[in-house]
Amino acid sequence: MSILIDYLKLIGWGAVGILTMTLSLWVLLSIFTWLTPVDEWDEIKKGNLAVAIVMASVIIGFALVISSAIAPPPVAP
């Protein structure tokens, strides 16, 4: 029964992570595109690789911060 509870906790933390990442990524990209003078999405559609790399770097960096913030605490035996 204990392993079932652990799996349910894992699924719960996964759902929290998905929800948090989706919301925070939307906010991040909205603020990032608002602060920069370039229309990133238009440039990416044109095939501008430099803008795509910058956007990917921002997303990956933010994902690392969020993942460490929502990591579940260690479970004591």
N, C-alpha and C. Protein backbone atom coordinates (compact mmCIF):
# COMPACT_ATOMS: atom_id res chain seq x y z
N MET A 1 0.82 -1.20 0.00
CA MET A 1 0.00 0.00 0.00
C MET A 1 0.86 1.26 0.00
N SER A 2 2.02 1.17 0.60
CA SER A 2 2.91 2.32 0.67
C SER A 2 3.40 2.76 -0.72
N ILE A 3 3.66 1.78 -1.57
CA ILE A 3 4.14 2.13 -2.91
C ILE A 3 3.06 2.82 -3.73
N LEU A 4 1.80 2.45 -3.50
CA LEU A 4 0.69 3.11 -4.19
C LEU A 4 0.60 4.58 -3.78
N ILE A 5 0.77 4.84 -2.51
CA ILE A 5 0.76 6.22 -2.02
C ILE A 5 1.92 7.00 -2.61
N ASP A 6 3.09 6.37 -2.71
CA ASP A 6 4.23 7.04 -3.33
C ASP A 6 3.97 7.36 -4.79
N TYR A 7 3.34 6.45 -5.51
CA TYR A 7 3.01 6.71 -6.91
C TYR A 7 1.99 7.84 -7.04
N LEU A 8 1.02 7.88 -6.16
CA LEU A 8 0.04 8.95 -6.19
C LEU A 8 0.68 10.30 -5.88
N LYS A 9 1.63 10.32 -4.96
CA LYS A 9 2.38 11.55 -4.68
C LYS A 9 3.17 11.98 -5.90
N LEU A 10 3.77 11.02 -6.58
CA LEU A 10 4.55 11.32 -7.78
C LEU A 10 3.66 11.92 -8.87
N ILE A 11 2.49 11.35 -9.06
CA ILE A 11 1.56 11.88 -10.06
C ILE A 11 1.09 13.28 -9.65
N GLY A 12 0.84 13.49 -8.38
CA GLY A 12 0.44 14.81 -7.89
C GLY A 12 1.50 15.85 -8.12
N TRP A 13 2.76 15.51 -7.78
CA TRP A 13 3.85 16.45 -8.00
C TRP A 13 4.06 16.71 -9.49
N GLY A 14 3.85 15.69 -10.31
CA GLY A 14 3.96 15.89 -11.76
C GLY A 14 2.91 16.85 -12.27
N ALA A 15 1.68 16.71 -11.77
CA ALA A 15 0.61 17.62 -12.18
C ALA A 15 0.89 19.05 -11.72
N VAL A 16 1.40 19.19 -10.51
CA VAL A 16 1.76 20.52 -10.01
C VAL A 16 2.88 21.12 -10.88
N GLY A 17 3.85 20.30 -11.23
CA GLY A 17 4.95 20.77 -12.07
C GLY A 17 4.48 21.21 -13.45
N ILE A 18 3.60 20.42 -14.05
CA ILE A 18 3.08 20.78 -15.38
C ILE A 18 2.30 22.08 -15.32
N LEU A 19 1.43 22.21 -14.33
CA LEU A 19 0.62 23.41 -14.20
C LEU A 19 1.49 24.64 -13.92
N THR A 20 2.43 24.50 -13.00
CA THR A 20 3.31 25.60 -12.66
C THR A 20 4.18 26.01 -13.84
N MET A 21 4.72 25.04 -14.54
CA MET A 21 5.59 25.35 -15.67
C MET A 21 4.82 26.01 -16.80
N THR A 22 3.62 25.54 -17.07
CA THR A 22 2.81 26.13 -18.13
C THR A 22 2.48 27.58 -17.82
N LEU A 23 2.01 27.83 -16.63
CA LEU A 23 1.64 29.18 -16.24
C LEU A 23 2.85 30.11 -16.20
N SER A 24 3.90 29.67 -15.58
CA SER A 24 5.08 30.53 -15.46
C SER A 24 5.78 30.75 -16.80
N LEU A 25 5.76 29.75 -17.68
CA LEU A 25 6.36 29.93 -19.00
C LEU A 25 5.56 30.92 -19.82
N TRP A 26 4.25 30.88 -19.71
CA TRP A 26 3.41 31.85 -20.41
C TRP A 26 3.70 33.27 -19.91
N VAL A 27 3.80 33.43 -18.59
CA VAL A 27 4.10 34.75 -18.02
C VAL A 27 5.50 35.20 -18.44
N LEU A 28 6.47 34.30 -18.39
CA LEU A 28 7.85 34.64 -18.76
C LEU A 28 7.92 35.12 -20.21
N LEU A 29 7.33 34.37 -21.11
CA LEU A 29 7.42 34.75 -22.52
C LEU A 29 6.64 36.02 -22.81
N SER A 30 5.55 36.24 -22.11
CA SER A 30 4.80 37.49 -22.28
C SER A 30 5.64 38.69 -21.84
N ILE A 31 6.27 38.57 -20.70
CA ILE A 31 7.11 39.67 -20.20
C ILE A 31 8.35 39.84 -21.07
N PHE A 32 8.96 38.75 -21.48
CA PHE A 32 10.17 38.83 -22.30
C PHE A 32 9.87 39.50 -23.64
N THR A 33 8.77 39.14 -24.29
CA THR A 33 8.44 39.76 -25.57
C THR A 33 8.00 41.20 -25.40
N TRP A 34 7.45 41.54 -24.24
CA TRP A 34 7.06 42.92 -23.97
C TRP A 34 8.29 43.81 -23.74
N LEU A 35 9.32 43.26 -23.09
CA LEU A 35 10.51 44.05 -22.77
C LEU A 35 11.45 44.26 -23.96
N THR A 36 11.46 43.36 -24.89
CA THR A 36 12.39 43.46 -26.01
C THR A 36 11.75 44.21 -27.17
N PRO A 37 12.56 44.97 -27.91
CA PRO A 37 11.99 45.75 -29.03
C PRO A 37 11.72 44.92 -30.29
N VAL A 38 12.14 43.67 -30.29
CA VAL A 38 12.01 42.82 -31.47
C VAL A 38 10.79 41.91 -31.31
N ASP A 39 10.06 41.67 -32.38
CA ASP A 39 8.98 40.69 -32.36
C ASP A 39 9.60 39.31 -32.58
N GLU A 40 9.85 38.61 -31.47
CA GLU A 40 10.57 37.35 -31.54
C GLU A 40 9.84 36.30 -32.37
N TRP A 41 8.54 36.21 -32.21
CA TRP A 41 7.79 35.18 -32.92
C TRP A 41 7.82 35.41 -34.43
N ASP A 42 7.77 36.67 -34.84
CA ASP A 42 7.86 36.97 -36.27
C ASP A 42 9.25 36.63 -36.80
N GLU A 43 10.27 36.93 -36.01
CA GLU A 43 11.64 36.61 -36.43
C GLU A 43 11.87 35.10 -36.51
N ILE A 44 11.29 34.36 -35.58
CA ILE A 44 11.44 32.90 -35.61
C ILE A 44 10.73 32.33 -36.84
N LYS A 45 9.56 32.88 -37.17
CA LYS A 45 8.85 32.44 -38.37
C LYS A 45 9.65 32.72 -39.64
N LYS A 46 10.44 33.81 -39.62
CA LYS A 46 11.29 34.14 -40.77
C LYS A 46 12.52 33.24 -40.84
N GLY A 47 12.80 32.51 -39.78
CA GLY A 47 13.94 31.60 -39.78
C GLY A 47 15.18 32.18 -39.13
N ASN A 48 15.02 33.20 -38.29
CA ASN A 48 16.15 33.81 -37.60
C ASN A 48 16.62 32.88 -36.48
N LEU A 49 17.74 32.21 -36.72
CA LEU A 49 18.24 31.21 -35.77
C LEU A 49 18.75 31.85 -34.48
N ALA A 50 19.30 33.04 -34.56
CA ALA A 50 19.83 33.70 -33.36
C ALA A 50 18.72 33.99 -32.35
N VAL A 51 17.60 34.47 -32.83
CA VAL A 51 16.47 34.75 -31.94
C VAL A 51 15.93 33.45 -31.36
N ALA A 52 15.88 32.41 -32.16
CA ALA A 52 15.41 31.11 -31.68
C ALA A 52 16.32 30.57 -30.58
N ILE A 53 17.62 30.74 -30.73
CA ILE A 53 18.57 30.28 -29.71
C ILE A 53 18.39 31.08 -28.42
N VAL A 54 18.19 32.38 -28.53
CA VAL A 54 17.98 33.21 -27.34
C VAL A 54 16.70 32.80 -26.62
N MET A 55 15.63 32.60 -27.38
CA MET A 55 14.37 32.18 -26.76
C MET A 55 14.51 30.81 -26.10
N ALA A 56 15.18 29.89 -26.75
CA ALA A 56 15.40 28.57 -26.17
C ALA A 56 16.23 28.67 -24.89
N SER A 57 17.23 29.53 -24.89
CA SER A 57 18.06 29.71 -23.70
C SER A 57 17.25 30.28 -22.54
N VAL A 58 16.39 31.22 -22.83
CA VAL A 58 15.53 31.80 -21.79
C VAL A 58 14.60 30.73 -21.22
N ILE A 59 14.01 29.93 -22.09
CA ILE A 59 13.08 28.89 -21.65
C ILE A 59 13.80 27.83 -20.82
N ILE A 60 14.96 27.38 -21.26
CA ILE A 60 15.71 26.35 -20.52
C ILE A 60 16.19 26.88 -19.17
N GLY A 61 16.70 28.11 -19.15
CA GLY A 61 17.13 28.70 -17.89
C GLY A 61 15.99 28.84 -16.90
N PHE A 62 14.85 29.26 -17.38
CA PHE A 62 13.70 29.41 -16.50
C PHE A 62 13.19 28.05 -16.03
N ALA A 63 13.24 27.06 -16.89
CA ALA A 63 12.80 25.71 -16.51
C ALA A 63 13.69 25.15 -15.40
N LEU A 64 14.96 25.43 -15.45
CA LEU A 64 15.86 24.97 -14.39
C LEU A 64 15.52 25.63 -13.05
N VAL A 65 15.21 26.90 -13.08
CA VAL A 65 14.86 27.61 -11.84
C VAL A 65 13.54 27.07 -11.28
N ILE A 66 12.55 26.92 -12.12
CA ILE A 66 11.25 26.43 -11.66
C ILE A 66 11.35 24.99 -11.16
N SER A 67 12.10 24.15 -11.86
CA SER A 67 12.18 22.75 -11.43
C SER A 67 12.83 22.61 -10.06
N SER A 68 13.81 23.45 -9.77
CA SER A 68 14.42 23.38 -8.45
C SER A 68 13.51 23.99 -7.39
N ALA A 69 12.64 24.90 -7.78
CA ALA A 69 11.74 25.53 -6.81
C ALA A 69 10.59 24.61 -6.42
N ILE A 70 10.14 23.75 -7.35
CA ILE A 70 8.98 22.90 -7.04
C ILE A 70 9.36 21.47 -6.73
N ALA A 71 10.64 21.20 -6.61
CA ALA A 71 11.07 19.84 -6.29
C ALA A 71 10.52 19.43 -4.93
N PRO A 72 10.02 18.22 -4.82
CA PRO A 72 9.46 17.80 -3.53
C PRO A 72 10.56 17.68 -2.48
N PRO A 73 10.23 17.93 -1.25
CA PRO A 73 11.23 17.80 -0.19
C PRO A 73 11.64 16.34 0.00
N PRO A 74 12.83 16.10 0.50
CA PRO A 74 13.25 14.72 0.73
C PRO A 74 12.34 14.04 1.76
N VAL A 75 12.05 12.78 1.49
CA VAL A 75 11.17 12.02 2.36
C VAL A 75 12.00 11.25 3.37
N ALA A 76 11.68 11.44 4.64
CA ALA A 76 12.40 10.72 5.70
C ALA A 76 11.91 9.27 5.74
N PRO A 77 12.81 8.33 5.95
CA PRO A 77 12.38 6.91 5.99
C PRO A 77 11.54 6.57 7.19
